């Protein structure tokens, strides 16, 4: 007699593996029609629901994998800390997958999920497209996302409104008398980068100022690259009096470049970063930045993904948009005349 697997049952019933799992665990989300289809497939395969469920449960690893673009960036490290602490409290271990800003590694690390080394995968500001992520989930794999909202009922998401954030930063700088504001973006493929850029552009438009492409440079969310990006802006010989950096790391690079070039912050150049990393409150002048509840975001996505793995995915909401807060400090709190 053939040794049927739960994936075989799903194929016979023309449903996802996740649907079979939910049905076997008596989830209320499974319709009666779908329930009958799965039961018919189980009967045809000479299996009982309890036997299939037992086979499924025996493959639990009690582990999650976490993909981050660069673990050396404090923003990602804080998120991972939240994930790890919540996972540990729920008796799960985590594997940290550092992409080192190499998109191809995202596909390599997905093998941990595909070969069932882990029960689920958390993608922090994912390099994969929405369509790719959905395709994995539709095959029954468990994935949670930080930094993006994917419209799928089986993908828990935690994210901030980066467009709103970008508009608030630009509005603040304009209120201080800045009309030409430069923007330092992150990785070209990072959604956090281009949604913050979108907010920057909308902020300029709402205030009646033109968008000038020459005031945009890429700093790869990295301090050294942020330093180089600011130097490139200066080399263009274009006039600007403020910099909105898409993270604090790049803003620190701007500080370094301004010190070398004898540009005074904030009198001659206002600087605003994102992430509210610890150093922003200790450097001189103290850096204006946008605070995100990084640890809480990590803990929340871990809790929701583990909840989903254990088939409690519909006991409460799936999508969480958390608030960010603009913290105005010395680096931008200077009114230009």
C-alpha atoms as a PDB file:
ATOM      1  CA  UNK A   1       0.000   0.000   0.000  1.00  0.00           C
ATOM      2  CA  UNK A   2       1.288   3.456  -0.894  1.00  0.00           C
ATOM      3  CA  UNK A   3       2.533   5.593   1.998  1.00  0.00           C
ATOM      4  CA  UNK A   4       0.496   8.758   1.476  1.00  0.00           C
ATOM      5  CA  UNK A   5       1.714  12.089   2.762  1.00  0.00           C
ATOM      6  CA  UNK A   6      -0.328  15.116   3.714  1.00  0.00           C
ATOM      7  CA  UNK A   7       0.793  16.793   0.472  1.00  0.00           C
ATOM      8  CA  UNK A   8      -0.780  13.885  -1.430  1.00  0.00           C
ATOM      9  CA  UNK A   9      -4.047  14.400   0.429  1.00  0.00           C
ATOM     10  CA  UNK A  10      -3.947  18.123  -0.434  1.00  0.00           C
ATOM     11  CA  UNK A  11      -3.342  17.345  -4.107  1.00  0.00           C
ATOM     12  CA  UNK A  12      -6.153  14.802  -4.258  1.00  0.00           C
ATOM     13  CA  UNK A  13      -8.557  17.294  -2.654  1.00  0.00           C
ATOM     14  CA  UNK A  14      -7.252  20.161  -4.816  1.00  0.00           C
ATOM     15  CA  UNK A  15      -6.505  22.322  -1.767  1.00  0.00           C
ATOM     16  CA  UNK A  16      -3.343  23.611  -0.069  1.00  0.00           C
ATOM     17  CA  UNK A  17      -1.388  21.684   2.551  1.00  0.00           C
ATOM     18  CA  UNK A  18      -2.241  24.474   4.991  1.00  0.00           C
ATOM     19  CA  UNK A  19      -5.968  23.879   4.371  1.00  0.00           C
ATOM     20  CA  UNK A  20      -5.614  20.165   5.122  1.00  0.00           C
ATOM     21  CA  UNK A  21      -3.708  21.033   8.293  1.00  0.00           C
ATOM     22  CA  UNK A  22      -6.403  23.458   9.446  1.00  0.00           C
ATOM     23  CA  UNK A  23      -9.151  20.947   8.744  1.00  0.00           C
ATOM     24  CA  UNK A  24      -7.381  18.235  10.736  1.00  0.00           C
ATOM     25  CA  UNK A  25      -7.046  20.648  13.641  1.00  0.00           C
ATOM     26  CA  UNK A  26     -10.751  21.528  13.483  1.00  0.00           C
ATOM     27  CA  UNK A  27     -10.173  25.144  12.436  1.00  0.00           C
ATOM     28  CA  UNK A  28     -13.402  27.090  12.003  1.00  0.00           C
ATOM     29  CA  UNK A  29     -11.936  28.790   8.919  1.00  0.00           C
ATOM     30  CA  UNK A  30     -12.428  25.679   6.757  1.00  0.00           C
ATOM     31  CA  UNK A  31     -15.759  25.615   4.925  1.00  0.00           C
ATOM     32  CA  UNK A  32     -17.975  22.566   5.045  1.00  0.00           C
ATOM     33  CA  UNK A  33     -17.512  22.002   1.309  1.00  0.00           C
ATOM     34  CA  UNK A  34     -13.723  22.003   1.656  1.00  0.00           C
ATOM     35  CA  UNK A  35     -13.924  19.785   4.738  1.00  0.00           C
ATOM     36  CA  UNK A  36     -15.889  17.176   2.775  1.00  0.00           C
ATOM     37  CA  UNK A  37     -13.364  17.256  -0.092  1.00  0.00           C
ATOM     38  CA  UNK A  38     -10.465  16.639   2.285  1.00  0.00           C
ATOM     39  CA  UNK A  39     -12.301  13.845   4.113  1.00  0.00           C
ATOM     40  CA  UNK A  40     -13.118  12.147   0.804  1.00  0.00           C
ATOM     41  CA  UNK A  41      -9.447  12.273  -0.191  1.00  0.00           C
ATOM     42  CA  UNK A  42      -8.411  10.826   3.172  1.00  0.00           C
ATOM     43  CA  UNK A  43     -10.947   8.024   2.849  1.00  0.00           C
ATOM     44  CA  UNK A  44      -9.816   7.250  -0.698  1.00  0.00           C
ATOM     45  CA  UNK A  45      -6.215   6.977   0.530  1.00  0.00           C
ATOM     46  CA  UNK A  46      -7.298   4.659   3.366  1.00  0.00           C
ATOM     47  CA  UNK A  47      -6.104   7.141   5.958  1.00  0.00           C
ATOM     48  CA  UNK A  48      -7.918   8.458   8.992  1.00  0.00           C
ATOM     49  CA  UNK A  49      -7.699  12.165   9.820  1.00  0.00           C
ATOM     50  CA  UNK A  50      -5.994  11.380  13.117  1.00  0.00           C
ATOM     51  CA  UNK A  51      -3.274   9.354  11.375  1.00  0.00           C
ATOM     52  CA  UNK A  52      -2.530  12.117   8.905  1.00  0.00           C
ATOM     53  CA  UNK A  53      -2.526  14.740  11.640  1.00  0.00           C
ATOM     54  CA  UNK A  54      -0.118  12.671  13.688  1.00  0.00           C
ATOM     55  CA  UNK A  55       2.202  12.446  10.681  1.00  0.00           C
ATOM     56  CA  UNK A  56       2.058  16.203  10.228  1.00  0.00           C
ATOM     57  CA  UNK A  57       2.736  16.988  13.883  1.00  0.00           C
ATOM     58  CA  UNK A  58       5.709  14.637  14.027  1.00  0.00           C
ATOM     59  CA  UNK A  59       7.541  16.863  11.531  1.00  0.00           C
ATOM     60  CA  UNK A  60       7.467  19.974  13.725  1.00  0.00           C
ATOM     61  CA  UNK A  61      10.988  21.324  14.339  1.00  0.00           C
ATOM     62  CA  UNK A  62      10.075  24.027  16.890  1.00  0.00           C
ATOM     63  CA  UNK A  63      12.391  26.388  15.005  1.00  0.00           C
ATOM     64  CA  UNK A  64      12.057  29.526  12.867  1.00  0.00           C
ATOM     65  CA  UNK A  65      14.451  31.080  10.368  1.00  0.00           C
ATOM     66  CA  UNK A  66      14.812  34.867  10.162  1.00  0.00           C
ATOM     67  CA  UNK A  67      16.111  36.554   7.002  1.00  0.00           C
ATOM     68  CA  UNK A  68      17.650  40.013   7.508  1.00  0.00           C
ATOM     69  CA  UNK A  69      19.425  42.129   4.876  1.00  0.00           C
ATOM     70  CA  UNK A  70      22.370  42.978   7.158  1.00  0.00           C
ATOM     71  CA  UNK A  71      22.578  41.890  10.801  1.00  0.00           C
ATOM     72  CA  UNK A  72      25.283  44.527  11.347  1.00  0.00           C
ATOM     73  CA  UNK A  73      22.639  47.270  11.049  1.00  0.00           C
ATOM     74  CA  UNK A  74      21.245  47.974  14.512  1.00  0.00           C
ATOM     75  CA  UNK A  75      17.679  48.305  13.196  1.00  0.00           C
ATOM     76  CA  UNK A  76      17.687  44.652  12.131  1.00  0.00           C
ATOM     77  CA  UNK A  77      19.518  43.530  15.272  1.00  0.00           C
ATOM     78  CA  UNK A  78      16.817  45.075  17.484  1.00  0.00           C
ATOM     79  CA  UNK A  79      14.082  43.359  15.501  1.00  0.00           C
ATOM     80  CA  UNK A  80      15.871  40.007  15.745  1.00  0.00           C
ATOM     81  CA  UNK A  81      16.169  40.447  19.505  1.00  0.00           C
ATOM     82  CA  UNK A  82      12.409  40.842  19.753  1.00  0.00           C
ATOM     83  CA  UNK A  83      11.854  37.788  17.552  1.00  0.00           C
ATOM     84  CA  UNK A  84      14.294  35.657  19.537  1.00  0.00           C
ATOM     85  CA  UNK A  85      12.881  36.565  22.948  1.00  0.00           C
ATOM     86  CA  UNK A  86       9.275  35.934  21.934  1.00  0.00           C
ATOM     87  CA  UNK A  87      10.180  32.693  20.138  1.00  0.00           C
ATOM     88  CA  UNK A  88      12.123  31.483  23.156  1.00  0.00           C
ATOM     89  CA  UNK A  89       9.186  32.177  25.458  1.00  0.00           C
ATOM     90  CA  UNK A  90       7.095  29.934  23.199  1.00  0.00           C
ATOM     91  CA  UNK A  91       9.762  27.183  23.163  1.00  0.00           C
ATOM     92  CA  UNK A  92      10.969  27.944  19.630  1.00  0.00           C
ATOM     93  CA  UNK A  93      14.546  28.447  18.494  1.00  0.00           C
ATOM     94  CA  UNK A  94      15.600  30.740  15.653  1.00  0.00           C
ATOM     95  CA  UNK A  95      18.182  30.586  12.869  1.00  0.00           C
ATOM     96  CA  UNK A  96      19.486  33.987  11.752  1.00  0.00           C
ATOM     97  CA  UNK A  97      20.015  34.234   7.995  1.00  0.00           C
ATOM     98  CA  UNK A  98      22.193  37.268   7.215  1.00  0.00           C
ATOM     99  CA  UNK A  99      21.811  38.106   3.512  1.00  0.00           C
ATOM    100  CA  UNK A 100      24.746  40.538   3.644  1.00  0.00           C
ATOM    101  CA  UNK A 101      22.803  42.644   1.136  1.00  0.00           C
ATOM    102  CA  UNK A 102      23.018  39.873  -1.474  1.00  0.00           C
ATOM    103  CA  UNK A 103      19.575  39.167  -2.893  1.00  0.00           C
ATOM    104  CA  UNK A 104      20.520  35.724  -4.235  1.00  0.00           C
ATOM    105  CA  UNK A 105      21.076  34.537  -0.666  1.00  0.00           C
ATOM    106  CA  UNK A 106      17.362  35.007   0.014  1.00  0.00           C
ATOM    107  CA  UNK A 107      16.609  32.089  -2.300  1.00  0.00           C
ATOM    108  CA  UNK A 108      19.376  29.959  -0.791  1.00  0.00           C
ATOM    109  CA  UNK A 109      18.040  30.423   2.725  1.00  0.00           C
ATOM    110  CA  UNK A 110      14.506  29.534   1.637  1.00  0.00           C
ATOM    111  CA  UNK A 111      15.752  25.939   1.452  1.00  0.00           C
ATOM    112  CA  UNK A 112      15.578  25.858   5.277  1.00  0.00           C
ATOM    113  CA  UNK A 113      11.825  26.227   4.942  1.00  0.00           C
ATOM    114  CA  UNK A 114      11.368  24.074   1.848  1.00  0.00           C
ATOM    115  CA  UNK A 115      13.190  21.072   3.312  1.00  0.00           C
ATOM    116  CA  UNK A 116      11.366  21.500   6.654  1.00  0.00           C
ATOM    117  CA  UNK A 117      14.496  22.321   8.658  1.00  0.00           C
ATOM    118  CA  UNK A 118      12.321  25.033  10.217  1.00  0.00           C
ATOM    119  CA  UNK A 119       8.579  25.358  10.723  1.00  0.00           C
ATOM    120  CA  UNK A 120       8.409  28.934   9.494  1.00  0.00           C
ATOM    121  CA  UNK A 121      10.371  31.818   7.999  1.00  0.00           C
ATOM    122  CA  UNK A 122      10.302  35.496   9.008  1.00  0.00           C
ATOM    123  CA  UNK A 123      11.368  37.915   6.271  1.00  0.00           C
ATOM    124  CA  UNK A 124      12.555  41.297   7.544  1.00  0.00           C
ATOM    125  CA  UNK A 125      12.170  43.890   4.757  1.00  0.00           C
ATOM    126  CA  UNK A 126      12.125  40.975   2.294  1.00  0.00           C
ATOM    127  CA  UNK A 127      14.091  40.838  -0.941  1.00  0.00           C
ATOM    128  CA  UNK A 128      11.553  38.430  -2.432  1.00  0.00           C
ATOM    129  CA  UNK A 129       8.622  39.861  -4.366  1.00  0.00           C
ATOM    130  CA  UNK A 130       5.060  39.659  -3.089  1.00  0.00           C
ATOM    131  CA  UNK A 131       4.286  37.106  -5.801  1.00  0.00           C
ATOM    132  CA  UNK A 132       7.203  34.881  -4.768  1.00  0.00           C
ATOM    133  CA  UNK A 133       6.214  35.006  -1.114  1.00  0.00           C
ATOM    134  CA  UNK A 134       2.580  34.215  -1.918  1.00  0.00           C
ATOM    135  CA  UNK A 135       3.641  31.257  -4.083  1.00  0.00           C
ATOM    136  CA  UNK A 136       5.504  29.700  -1.141  1.00  0.00           C
ATOM    137  CA  UNK A 137       2.589  30.275   1.230  1.00  0.00           C
ATOM    138  CA  UNK A 138       0.111  28.804  -1.240  1.00  0.00           C
ATOM    139  CA  UNK A 139       2.190  25.623  -1.173  1.00  0.00           C
ATOM    140  CA  UNK A 140       1.637  25.386   2.577  1.00  0.00           C
ATOM    141  CA  UNK A 141       4.821  27.017   3.885  1.00  0.00           C
ATOM    142  CA  UNK A 142       4.535  29.420   6.818  1.00  0.00           C
ATOM    143  CA  UNK A 143       5.982  32.906   6.276  1.00  0.00           C
ATOM    144  CA  UNK A 144       5.710  36.145   8.252  1.00  0.00           C
ATOM    145  CA  UNK A 145       6.812  39.562   6.997  1.00  0.00           C
ATOM    146  CA  UNK A 146       8.159  42.706   8.651  1.00  0.00           C
ATOM    147  CA  UNK A 147       8.269  45.927   6.672  1.00  0.00           C
ATOM    148  CA  UNK A 148       5.653  45.158   4.033  1.00  0.00           C
ATOM    149  CA  UNK A 149       1.916  44.562   3.791  1.00  0.00           C
ATOM    150  CA  UNK A 150       1.067  41.594   1.571  1.00  0.00           C
ATOM    151  CA  UNK A 151      -2.636  41.140   0.924  1.00  0.00           C
ATOM    152  CA  UNK A 152      -2.963  37.441   1.744  1.00  0.00           C
ATOM    153  CA  UNK A 153      -5.022  35.983   4.570  1.00  0.00           C
ATOM    154  CA  UNK A 154      -2.283  33.513   5.581  1.00  0.00           C
ATOM    155  CA  UNK A 155       0.671  35.929   5.737  1.00  0.00           C
ATOM    156  CA  UNK A 156       1.048  37.803   9.046  1.00  0.00           C
ATOM    157  CA  UNK A 157       2.540  41.258   8.442  1.00  0.00           C
ATOM    158  CA  UNK A 158       3.952  43.995  10.672  1.00  0.00           C
ATOM    159  CA  UNK A 159       4.923  47.293   9.073  1.00  0.00           C
ATOM    160  CA  UNK A 160       5.130  51.039   9.491  1.00  0.00           C
ATOM    161  CA  UNK A 161       3.673  53.650   7.149  1.00  0.00           C
ATOM    162  CA  UNK A 162       6.915  54.761   5.487  1.00  0.00           C
ATOM    163  CA  UNK A 163       5.143  57.135   3.105  1.00  0.00           C
ATOM    164  CA  UNK A 164       3.572  58.999   6.010  1.00  0.00           C
ATOM    165  CA  UNK A 165       6.939  58.973   7.776  1.00  0.00           C
ATOM    166  CA  UNK A 166       8.710  60.510   4.776  1.00  0.00           C
ATOM    167  CA  UNK A 167       6.098  63.234   4.447  1.00  0.00           C
ATOM    168  CA  UNK A 168       6.419  64.131   8.146  1.00  0.00           C
ATOM    169  CA  UNK A 169      10.206  64.476   7.897  1.00  0.00           C
ATOM    170  CA  UNK A 170       9.972  66.707   4.836  1.00  0.00           C
ATOM    171  CA  UNK A 171       7.200  68.795   6.422  1.00  0.00           C
ATOM    172  CA  UNK A 172       9.377  69.331   9.493  1.00  0.00           C
ATOM    173  CA  UNK A 173      12.399  70.394   7.435  1.00  0.00           C
ATOM    174  CA  UNK A 174      10.314  72.765   5.335  1.00  0.00           C
ATOM    175  CA  UNK A 175       8.908  74.292   8.528  1.00  0.00           C
ATOM    176  CA  UNK A 176      12.506  75.059   9.516  1.00  0.00           C
ATOM    177  CA  UNK A 177      13.011  77.028   6.294  1.00  0.00           C
ATOM    178  CA  UNK A 178      14.591  74.373   4.037  1.00  0.00           C
ATOM    179  CA  UNK A 179      13.501  74.464   0.408  1.00  0.00           C
ATOM    180  CA  UNK A 180      16.079  72.095  -1.120  1.00  0.00           C
ATOM    181  CA  UNK A 181      16.259  68.812   0.734  1.00  0.00           C
ATOM    182  CA  UNK A 182      18.479  65.903  -0.315  1.00  0.00           C
ATOM    183  CA  UNK A 183      17.444  62.270   0.171  1.00  0.00           C
ATOM    184  CA  UNK A 184      19.770  59.329   0.819  1.00  0.00           C
ATOM    185  CA  UNK A 185      18.147  56.037  -0.179  1.00  0.00           C
ATOM    186  CA  UNK A 186      18.996  52.498   0.883  1.00  0.00           C
ATOM    187  CA  UNK A 187      19.333  49.307  -1.165  1.00  0.00           C
ATOM    188  CA  UNK A 188      17.775  49.681  -4.582  1.00  0.00           C
ATOM    189  CA  UNK A 189      15.492  46.659  -3.982  1.00  0.00           C
ATOM    190  CA  UNK A 190      14.481  47.538  -0.390  1.00  0.00           C
ATOM    191  CA  UNK A 191      10.825  48.468   0.005  1.00  0.00           C
ATOM    192  CA  UNK A 192      11.634  50.617   3.071  1.00  0.00           C
ATOM    193  CA  UNK A 193      13.873  52.716   0.875  1.00  0.00           C
ATOM    194  CA  UNK A 194      11.508  53.464  -1.961  1.00  0.00           C
ATOM    195  CA  UNK A 195       8.440  53.947   0.236  1.00  0.00           C
ATOM    196  CA  UNK A 196      10.368  56.522   2.283  1.00  0.00           C
ATOM    197  CA  UNK A 197      11.427  58.102  -1.004  1.00  0.00           C
ATOM    198  CA  UNK A 198       7.776  58.150  -2.049  1.00  0.00           C
ATOM    199  CA  UNK A 199       6.918  59.965   1.166  1.00  0.00           C
ATOM    200  CA  UNK A 200       9.758  62.426   0.564  1.00  0.00           C
ATOM    201  CA  UNK A 201       8.443  63.175  -2.928  1.00  0.00           C
ATOM    202  CA  UNK A 202       4.855  63.581  -1.717  1.00  0.00           C
ATOM    203  CA  UNK A 203       6.019  65.888   1.062  1.00  0.00           C
ATOM    204  CA  UNK A 204       7.729  68.148  -1.460  1.00  0.00           C
ATOM    205  CA  UNK A 205       4.742  68.087  -3.776  1.00  0.00           C
ATOM    206  CA  UNK A 206       2.262  68.887  -0.995  1.00  0.00           C
ATOM    207  CA  UNK A 207       4.379  71.913  -0.049  1.00  0.00           C
ATOM    208  CA  UNK A 208       4.597  73.086  -3.661  1.00  0.00           C
ATOM    209  CA  UNK A 209       8.304  72.345  -4.115  1.00  0.00           C
ATOM    210  CA  UNK A 210       9.694  70.527  -7.163  1.00  0.00           C
ATOM    211  CA  UNK A 211      11.264  67.072  -6.994  1.00  0.00           C
ATOM    212  CA  UNK A 212      14.908  67.327  -8.142  1.00  0.00           C
ATOM    213  CA  UNK A 213      16.455  63.930  -9.081  1.00  0.00           C
ATOM    214  CA  UNK A 214      19.955  65.368  -8.648  1.00  0.00           C
ATOM    215  CA  UNK A 215      19.286  65.603  -4.905  1.00  0.00           C
ATOM    216  CA  UNK A 216      18.878  61.818  -4.577  1.00  0.00           C
ATOM    217  CA  UNK A 217      21.828  59.513  -3.831  1.00  0.00           C
ATOM    218  CA  UNK A 218      22.063  55.869  -2.770  1.00  0.00           C
ATOM    219  CA  UNK A 219      23.827  55.033   0.483  1.00  0.00           C
ATOM    220  CA  UNK A 220      22.866  51.343   0.840  1.00  0.00           C
ATOM    221  CA  UNK A 221      21.717  51.824   4.469  1.00  0.00           C
ATOM    222  CA  UNK A 222      25.410  51.883   5.401  1.00  0.00           C
ATOM    223  CA  UNK A 223      27.465  54.515   7.256  1.00  0.00           C
ATOM    224  CA  UNK A 224      30.431  54.436   4.866  1.00  0.00           C
ATOM    225  CA  UNK A 225      28.164  54.450   1.817  1.00  0.00           C
ATOM    226  CA  UNK A 226      26.157  57.299   3.337  1.00  0.00           C
ATOM    227  CA  UNK A 227      29.394  59.252   3.728  1.00  0.00           C
ATOM    228  CA  UNK A 228      30.251  58.609   0.076  1.00  0.00           C
ATOM    229  CA  UNK A 229      26.723  59.496  -1.064  1.00  0.00           C
ATOM    230  CA  UNK A 230      26.873  62.868   0.692  1.00  0.00           C
ATOM    231  CA  UNK A 231      30.273  63.546  -0.859  1.00  0.00           C
ATOM    232  CA  UNK A 232      28.768  62.827  -4.286  1.00  0.00           C
ATOM    233  CA  UNK A 233      25.984  65.326  -3.615  1.00  0.00           C
ATOM    234  CA  UNK A 234      28.537  67.975  -2.713  1.00  0.00           C
ATOM    235  CA  UNK A 235      30.602  67.160  -5.812  1.00  0.00           C
ATOM    236  CA  UNK A 236      27.574  67.844  -8.021  1.00  0.00           C
ATOM    237  CA  UNK A 237      27.743  71.433  -6.858  1.00  0.00           C
ATOM    238  CA  UNK A 238      23.975  71.530  -6.358  1.00  0.00           C
ATOM    239  CA  UNK A 239      22.586  73.700  -3.587  1.00  0.00           C
ATOM    240  CA  UNK A 240      20.801  72.022  -0.665  1.00  0.00           C
ATOM    241  CA  UNK A 241      20.546  72.770   3.048  1.00  0.00           C
ATOM    242  CA  UNK A 242      19.085  69.577   4.532  1.00  0.00           C
ATOM    243  CA  UNK A 243      19.471  65.808   4.257  1.00  0.00           C
ATOM    244  CA  UNK A 244      16.823  63.194   4.942  1.00  0.00           C
ATOM    245  CA  UNK A 245      18.654  59.873   5.268  1.00  0.00           C
ATOM    246  CA  UNK A 246      16.523  56.713   5.060  1.00  0.00           C
ATOM    247  CA  UNK A 247      18.290  55.331   8.143  1.00  0.00           C
ATOM    248  CA  UNK A 248      20.531  56.502  10.974  1.00  0.00           C
ATOM    249  CA  UNK A 249      23.567  54.620   9.654  1.00  0.00           C
ATOM    250  CA  UNK A 250      23.681  56.765   6.521  1.00  0.00           C
ATOM    251  CA  UNK A 251      22.973  59.891   8.572  1.00  0.00           C
ATOM    252  CA  UNK A 252      26.081  59.122  10.626  1.00  0.00           C
ATOM    253  CA  UNK A 253      28.010  59.047   7.359  1.00  0.00           C
ATOM    254  CA  UNK A 254      26.665  62.533   6.633  1.00  0.00           C
ATOM    255  CA  UNK A 255      27.941  63.700  10.035  1.00  0.00           C
ATOM    256  CA  UNK A 256      31.404  62.383   9.213  1.00  0.00           C
ATOM    257  CA  UNK A 257      31.453  64.078   5.807  1.00  0.00           C
ATOM    258  CA  UNK A 258      30.223  67.381   7.228  1.00  0.00           C
ATOM    259  CA  UNK A 259      32.954  67.314   9.855  1.00  0.00           C
ATOM    260  CA  UNK A 260      35.605  66.807   7.171  1.00  0.00           C
ATOM    261  CA  UNK A 261      34.152  69.558   4.980  1.00  0.00           C
ATOM    262  CA  UNK A 262      33.655  72.009   7.868  1.00  0.00           C
ATOM    263  CA  UNK A 263      29.901  72.105   7.283  1.00  0.00           C
ATOM    264  CA  UNK A 264      28.098  72.999  10.499  1.00  0.00           C
ATOM    265  CA  UNK A 265      25.128  70.912  11.614  1.00  0.00           C
ATOM    266  CA  UNK A 266      22.426  72.271  11.906  1.00  0.00           C
ATOM    267  CA  UNK A 267      23.365  75.859  11.020  1.00  0.00           C
ATOM    268  CA  UNK A 268      24.502  75.004   7.486  1.00  0.00           C
ATOM    269  CA  UNK A 269      23.083  71.494   7.031  1.00  0.00           C
ATOM    270  CA  UNK A 270      20.105  69.915   8.782  1.00  0.00           C
ATOM    271  CA  UNK A 271      20.176  66.121   9.125  1.00  0.00           C
ATOM    272  CA  UNK A 272      17.368  63.673   9.899  1.00  0.00           C
ATOM    273  CA  UNK A 273      17.724  59.881  10.051  1.00  0.00           C
ATOM    274  CA  UNK A 274      15.397  56.947  10.687  1.00  0.00           C
ATOM    275  CA  UNK A 275      15.419  54.212  13.377  1.00  0.00           C
ATOM    276  CA  UNK A 276      16.318  56.106  16.587  1.00  0.00           C
ATOM    277  CA  UNK A 277      19.410  53.999  17.210  1.00  0.00           C
ATOM    278  CA  UNK A 278      21.105  54.591  20.569  1.00  0.00           C
ATOM    279  CA  UNK A 279      23.993  56.639  19.211  1.00  0.00           C
ATOM    280  CA  UNK A 280      21.684  59.332  17.818  1.00  0.00           C
ATOM    281  CA  UNK A 281      21.118  60.672  21.324  1.00  0.00           C
ATOM    282  CA  UNK A 282      24.820  60.759  22.210  1.00  0.00           C
ATOM    283  CA  UNK A 283      26.571  62.264  19.192  1.00  0.00           C
ATOM    284  CA  UNK A 284      26.949  66.023  18.878  1.00  0.00           C
ATOM    285  CA  UNK A 285      24.720  67.579  17.856  1.00  0.00           C
ATOM    286  CA  UNK A 286      22.051  65.062  18.862  1.00  0.00           C
ATOM    287  CA  UNK A 287      20.421  63.619  15.758  1.00  0.00           C
ATOM    288  CA  UNK A 288      16.801  64.075  14.767  1.00  0.00           C
ATOM    289  CA  UNK A 289      15.382  60.708  13.763  1.00  0.00           C
ATOM    290  CA  UNK A 290      12.222  58.659  13.372  1.00  0.00           C
ATOM    291  CA  UNK A 291      11.566  56.080  16.070  1.00  0.00           C
ATOM    292  CA  UNK A 292      10.051  52.707  15.207  1.00  0.00           C
ATOM    293  CA  UNK A 293       9.159  50.104  17.875  1.00  0.00           C
ATOM    294  CA  UNK A 294      11.677  47.634  16.470  1.00  0.00           C
ATOM    295  CA  UNK A 295      11.799  45.162  19.346  1.00  0.00           C
ATOM    296  CA  UNK A 296       8.004  45.105  19.631  1.00  0.00           C
ATOM    297  CA  UNK A 297       7.664  44.549  15.880  1.00  0.00           C
ATOM    298  CA  UNK A 298       9.963  41.529  16.086  1.00  0.00           C
ATOM    299  CA  UNK A 299       8.151  40.073  19.084  1.00  0.00           C
ATOM    300  CA  UNK A 300       4.766  40.587  17.440  1.00  0.00           C
ATOM    301  CA  UNK A 301       5.629  38.871  14.154  1.00  0.00           C
ATOM    302  CA  UNK A 302       7.159  35.910  16.000  1.00  0.00           C
ATOM    303  CA  UNK A 303       4.043  35.514  18.124  1.00  0.00           C
ATOM    304  CA  UNK A 304       1.702  35.707  15.129  1.00  0.00           C
ATOM    305  CA  UNK A 305       3.707  33.328  12.943  1.00  0.00           C
ATOM    306  CA  UNK A 306       4.001  30.723  15.704  1.00  0.00           C
ATOM    307  CA  UNK A 307       0.275  31.146  16.328  1.00  0.00           C
ATOM    308  CA  UNK A 308      -0.322  30.428  12.644  1.00  0.00           C
ATOM    309  CA  UNK A 309       2.007  27.409  12.631  1.00  0.00           C
ATOM    310  CA  UNK A 310      -0.131  25.983  15.409  1.00  0.00           C
ATOM    311  CA  UNK A 311      -3.309  26.681  13.421  1.00  0.00           C
ATOM    312  CA  UNK A 312      -4.734  29.448  15.579  1.00  0.00           C
ATOM    313  CA  UNK A 313      -4.413  31.946  12.740  1.00  0.00           C
ATOM    314  CA  UNK A 314      -7.910  33.340  12.881  1.00  0.00           C
ATOM    315  CA  UNK A 315      -8.279  34.023  16.583  1.00  0.00           C
ATOM    316  CA  UNK A 316      -7.371  37.688  15.974  1.00  0.00           C
ATOM    317  CA  UNK A 317      -6.039  40.041  13.320  1.00  0.00           C
ATOM    318  CA  UNK A 318      -3.194  39.269  10.902  1.00  0.00           C
ATOM    319  CA  UNK A 319      -1.988  42.686   9.666  1.00  0.00           C
ATOM    320  CA  UNK A 320      -0.434  45.204  12.039  1.00  0.00           C
ATOM    321  CA  UNK A 321       0.506  48.758  11.018  1.00  0.00           C
ATOM    322  CA  UNK A 322       2.525  50.272  13.856  1.00  0.00           C
ATOM    323  CA  UNK A 323       3.133  53.963  14.438  1.00  0.00           C
ATOM    324  CA  UNK A 324       6.438  55.747  14.000  1.00  0.00           C
ATOM    325  CA  UNK A 325       7.363  58.946  15.806  1.00  0.00           C
ATOM    326  CA  UNK A 326       9.488  61.837  14.546  1.00  0.00           C
ATOM    327  CA  UNK A 327      11.947  62.822  17.288  1.00  0.00           C
ATOM    328  CA  UNK A 328      13.204  66.357  16.736  1.00  0.00           C
ATOM    329  CA  UNK A 329      16.641  66.978  18.208  1.00  0.00           C
ATOM    330  CA  UNK A 330      19.455  69.443  17.616  1.00  0.00           C
ATOM    331  CA  UNK A 331      20.489  68.314  14.107  1.00  0.00           C
ATOM    332  CA  UNK A 332      17.343  69.787  12.521  1.00  0.00           C
ATOM    333  CA  UNK A 333      15.905  72.055  15.203  1.00  0.00           C
ATOM    334  CA  UNK A 334      17.279  75.259  13.745  1.00  0.00           C
ATOM    335  CA  UNK A 335      15.141  77.869  12.002  1.00  0.00           C
ATOM    336  CA  UNK A 336      16.758  79.216   8.844  1.00  0.00           C
ATOM    337  CA  UNK A 337      16.271  82.924   8.162  1.00  0.00           C
END
